[in-house]
Amino acid sequence: MVADLAVLFGRGLIALLFLAGAVQKTVDPEPAMLLLADRGLPPGLIWPALLFNAVAGISLLAGWAVRPVSVLLALYCMGTSGFHFIPSDPWQMSIFVKNWAIAGGCLVLAAQGPGRYVLGRAG
């Protein structure tokens, strides 16, 4: 019972992070667009990233397709960590390290699966 609740709570915390990222990109997309442009990427990539953050967050929260979504989120975190590797900026370096930690949590979730509590699944 405690393990099931821990998985649910952990899933929720990770989901919240990505859902908040989607909201942040919706409300104020400019900082992320500038970060992409500074890296030579099209700023418009913000929109598929926003959609991915939202769909993945909802999926984790509901417990749907947790294993594949968690793997994709881990890869996303690993890939986007490169945008934050700016050794002269301690704030960006903390985001870099946190992205790798979140990727680790996603990989544990991918191995664990959704646990007992999944929206739409009986008992």
C-alpha atoms as a PDB file:
ATOM      1  CA  MET A   1       0.000   0.000   0.000  1.00  0.00           C
ATOM      2  CA  VAL A   2       2.760   2.473   0.931  1.00  0.00           C
ATOM      3  CA  ALA A   3       4.749   1.534  -2.185  1.00  0.00           C
ATOM      4  CA  ASP A   4       1.665   2.068  -4.362  1.00  0.00           C
ATOM      5  CA  LEU A   5       1.092   5.505  -2.852  1.00  0.00           C
ATOM      6  CA  ALA A   6       4.781   6.372  -3.252  1.00  0.00           C
ATOM      7  CA  VAL A   7       4.650   5.500  -6.958  1.00  0.00           C
ATOM      8  CA  LEU A   8       1.469   7.567  -7.366  1.00  0.00           C
ATOM      9  CA  PHE A   9       2.978  10.528  -5.513  1.00  0.00           C
ATOM     10  CA  GLY A  10       6.259  10.270  -7.440  1.00  0.00           C
ATOM     11  CA  ARG A  11       4.400  10.078 -10.739  1.00  0.00           C
ATOM     12  CA  GLY A  12       2.408  13.132  -9.723  1.00  0.00           C
ATOM     13  CA  LEU A  13       5.491  15.159  -8.824  1.00  0.00           C
ATOM     14  CA  ILE A  14       7.211  14.377 -12.106  1.00  0.00           C
ATOM     15  CA  ALA A  15       3.979  15.074 -14.011  1.00  0.00           C
ATOM     16  CA  LEU A  16       3.592  18.401 -12.219  1.00  0.00           C
ATOM     17  CA  LEU A  17       7.051  19.470 -13.347  1.00  0.00           C
ATOM     18  CA  PHE A  18       6.246  18.865 -17.017  1.00  0.00           C
ATOM     19  CA  LEU A  19       2.722  20.300 -16.793  1.00  0.00           C
ATOM     20  CA  ALA A  20       4.138  23.446 -15.168  1.00  0.00           C
ATOM     21  CA  GLY A  21       6.687  23.629 -17.982  1.00  0.00           C
ATOM     22  CA  ALA A  22       3.873  23.490 -20.526  1.00  0.00           C
ATOM     23  CA  VAL A  23       1.992  26.264 -18.732  1.00  0.00           C
ATOM     24  CA  GLN A  24       5.152  28.375 -18.468  1.00  0.00           C
ATOM     25  CA  LYS A  25       5.827  27.969 -22.199  1.00  0.00           C
ATOM     26  CA  THR A  26       2.212  28.952 -22.918  1.00  0.00           C
ATOM     27  CA  VAL A  27       2.168  32.029 -20.681  1.00  0.00           C
ATOM     28  CA  ASP A  28       5.671  33.308 -21.472  1.00  0.00           C
ATOM     29  CA  PRO A  29       7.264  31.492 -24.420  1.00  0.00           C
ATOM     30  CA  GLU A  30       9.924  34.147 -25.086  1.00  0.00           C
ATOM     31  CA  PRO A  31      12.668  32.925 -22.683  1.00  0.00           C
ATOM     32  CA  ALA A  32      12.567  29.397 -24.098  1.00  0.00           C
ATOM     33  CA  MET A  33      12.408  30.729 -27.652  1.00  0.00           C
ATOM     34  CA  LEU A  34      15.486  32.889 -27.007  1.00  0.00           C
ATOM     35  CA  LEU A  35      17.333  29.919 -25.510  1.00  0.00           C
ATOM     36  CA  LEU A  36      16.578  27.893 -28.650  1.00  0.00           C
ATOM     37  CA  ALA A  37      17.631  30.752 -30.921  1.00  0.00           C
ATOM     38  CA  ASP A  38      20.878  31.191 -28.941  1.00  0.00           C
ATOM     39  CA  ARG A  39      21.642  27.555 -29.707  1.00  0.00           C
ATOM     40  CA  GLY A  40      20.968  28.034 -33.425  1.00  0.00           C
ATOM     41  CA  LEU A  41      17.631  26.215 -33.356  1.00  0.00           C
ATOM     42  CA  PRO A  42      14.306  27.486 -34.668  1.00  0.00           C
ATOM     43  CA  PRO A  43      12.401  29.236 -31.864  1.00  0.00           C
ATOM     44  CA  GLY A  44       9.230  27.588 -33.165  1.00  0.00           C
ATOM     45  CA  LEU A  45      10.418  24.305 -31.649  1.00  0.00           C
ATOM     46  CA  ILE A  46       8.885  25.632 -28.445  1.00  0.00           C
ATOM     47  CA  TRP A  47       5.415  24.571 -29.626  1.00  0.00           C
ATOM     48  CA  PRO A  48       6.086  20.834 -30.098  1.00  0.00           C
ATOM     49  CA  ALA A  49       8.014  20.909 -26.803  1.00  0.00           C
ATOM     50  CA  LEU A  50       5.033  22.514 -25.093  1.00  0.00           C
ATOM     51  CA  LEU A  51       2.690  19.885 -26.525  1.00  0.00           C
ATOM     52  CA  PHE A  52       5.032  17.063 -25.512  1.00  0.00           C
ATOM     53  CA  ASN A  53       5.326  18.445 -21.966  1.00  0.00           C
ATOM     54  CA  ALA A  54       1.546  18.687 -21.636  1.00  0.00           C
ATOM     55  CA  VAL A  55       0.700  15.273 -23.101  1.00  0.00           C
ATOM     56  CA  ALA A  56       3.485  13.509 -21.205  1.00  0.00           C
ATOM     57  CA  GLY A  57       2.501  15.199 -17.942  1.00  0.00           C
ATOM     58  CA  ILE A  58      -1.141  14.207 -18.337  1.00  0.00           C
ATOM     59  CA  SER A  59      -0.108  10.667 -19.247  1.00  0.00           C
ATOM     60  CA  LEU A  60       2.037  10.303 -16.120  1.00  0.00           C
ATOM     61  CA  LEU A  61      -0.611  11.837 -13.901  1.00  0.00           C
ATOM     62  CA  ALA A  62      -3.280   9.472 -15.226  1.00  0.00           C
ATOM     63  CA  GLY A  63      -0.938   6.484 -15.258  1.00  0.00           C
ATOM     64  CA  TRP A  64      -1.346   5.865 -18.978  1.00  0.00           C
ATOM     65  CA  ALA A  65       1.583   4.495 -21.023  1.00  0.00           C
ATOM     66  CA  VAL A  66       3.893   5.288 -18.113  1.00  0.00           C
ATOM     67  CA  ARG A  67       6.794   3.105 -19.228  1.00  0.00           C
ATOM     68  CA  PRO A  68       7.247   4.452 -22.777  1.00  0.00           C
ATOM     69  CA  VAL A  69       6.382   8.022 -21.787  1.00  0.00           C
ATOM     70  CA  SER A  70       8.930   7.885 -18.962  1.00  0.00           C
ATOM     71  CA  VAL A  71      11.637   6.708 -21.355  1.00  0.00           C
ATOM     72  CA  LEU A  72      10.768   9.546 -23.743  1.00  0.00           C
ATOM     73  CA  LEU A  73      10.824  12.051 -20.893  1.00  0.00           C
ATOM     74  CA  ALA A  74      14.227  10.773 -19.764  1.00  0.00           C
ATOM     75  CA  LEU A  75      15.581  11.206 -23.289  1.00  0.00           C
ATOM     76  CA  TYR A  76      13.969  14.650 -23.495  1.00  0.00           C
ATOM     77  CA  CYS A  77      15.644  15.696 -20.224  1.00  0.00           C
ATOM     78  CA  MET A  78      19.005  14.361 -21.334  1.00  0.00           C
ATOM     79  CA  GLY A  79      18.725  16.111 -24.696  1.00  0.00           C
ATOM     80  CA  THR A  80      17.527  19.440 -23.358  1.00  0.00           C
ATOM     81  CA  SER A  81      20.170  19.464 -20.629  1.00  0.00           C
ATOM     82  CA  GLY A  82      22.655  20.549 -23.288  1.00  0.00           C
ATOM     83  CA  PHE A  83      20.834  23.868 -23.634  1.00  0.00           C
ATOM     84  CA  HIS A  84      21.653  24.581 -19.998  1.00  0.00           C
ATOM     85  CA  PHE A  85      25.327  23.609 -20.014  1.00  0.00           C
ATOM     86  CA  ILE A  86      26.669  27.110 -19.476  1.00  0.00           C
ATOM     87  CA  PRO A  87      29.517  26.772 -16.945  1.00  0.00           C
ATOM     88  CA  SER A  88      29.715  30.545 -16.427  1.00  0.00           C
ATOM     89  CA  ASP A  89      26.065  30.642 -15.267  1.00  0.00           C
ATOM     90  CA  PRO A  90      25.430  28.821 -11.960  1.00  0.00           C
ATOM     91  CA  TRP A  91      21.651  28.969 -12.450  1.00  0.00           C
ATOM     92  CA  GLN A  92      21.850  27.260 -15.839  1.00  0.00           C
ATOM     93  CA  MET A  93      24.266  24.671 -14.452  1.00  0.00           C
ATOM     94  CA  SER A  94      21.801  23.838 -11.679  1.00  0.00           C
ATOM     95  CA  ILE A  95      19.138  23.264 -14.335  1.00  0.00           C
ATOM     96  CA  PHE A  96      21.615  21.090 -16.250  1.00  0.00           C
ATOM     97  CA  VAL A  97      22.187  18.885 -13.191  1.00  0.00           C
ATOM     98  CA  LYS A  98      18.481  18.787 -12.293  1.00  0.00           C
ATOM     99  CA  ASN A  99      17.610  17.643 -15.814  1.00  0.00           C
ATOM    100  CA  TRP A 100      19.883  14.627 -15.355  1.00  0.00           C
ATOM    101  CA  ALA A 101      18.327  13.896 -11.952  1.00  0.00           C
ATOM    102  CA  ILE A 102      14.832  14.103 -13.444  1.00  0.00           C
ATOM    103  CA  ALA A 103      15.947  11.791 -16.260  1.00  0.00           C
ATOM    104  CA  GLY A 104      17.060   9.326 -13.587  1.00  0.00           C
ATOM    105  CA  GLY A 105      13.683   9.522 -11.873  1.00  0.00           C
ATOM    106  CA  CYS A 106      11.946   8.955 -15.199  1.00  0.00           C
ATOM    107  CA  LEU A 107      14.080   5.881 -15.863  1.00  0.00           C
ATOM    108  CA  VAL A 108      13.193   4.472 -12.438  1.00  0.00           C
ATOM    109  CA  LEU A 109       9.531   5.118 -13.237  1.00  0.00           C
ATOM    110  CA  ALA A 110       9.971   3.393 -16.609  1.00  0.00           C
ATOM    111  CA  ALA A 111      11.339   0.338 -14.800  1.00  0.00           C
ATOM    112  CA  GLN A 112       8.674   0.460 -12.075  1.00  0.00           C
ATOM    113  CA  GLY A 113       5.645   1.104 -14.256  1.00  0.00           C
ATOM    114  CA  PRO A 114       2.513   3.000 -13.226  1.00  0.00           C
ATOM    115  CA  GLY A 115       1.865   1.135  -9.995  1.00  0.00           C
ATOM    116  CA  ARG A 116      -1.557   0.244  -8.685  1.00  0.00           C
ATOM    117  CA  TYR A 117      -3.340   3.548  -9.203  1.00  0.00           C
ATOM    118  CA  VAL A 118      -4.178   4.227 -12.849  1.00  0.00           C
ATOM    119  CA  LEU A 119      -7.061   6.392 -14.011  1.00  0.00           C
ATOM    120  CA  GLY A 120      -9.709   4.188 -15.575  1.00  0.00           C
ATOM    121  CA  ARG A 121      -8.396   0.940 -14.093  1.00  0.00           C
ATOM    122  CA  ALA A 122     -10.614  -0.813 -11.561  1.00  0.00           C
ATOM    123  CA  GLY A 123      -9.112  -1.630  -8.152  1.00  0.00           C
END
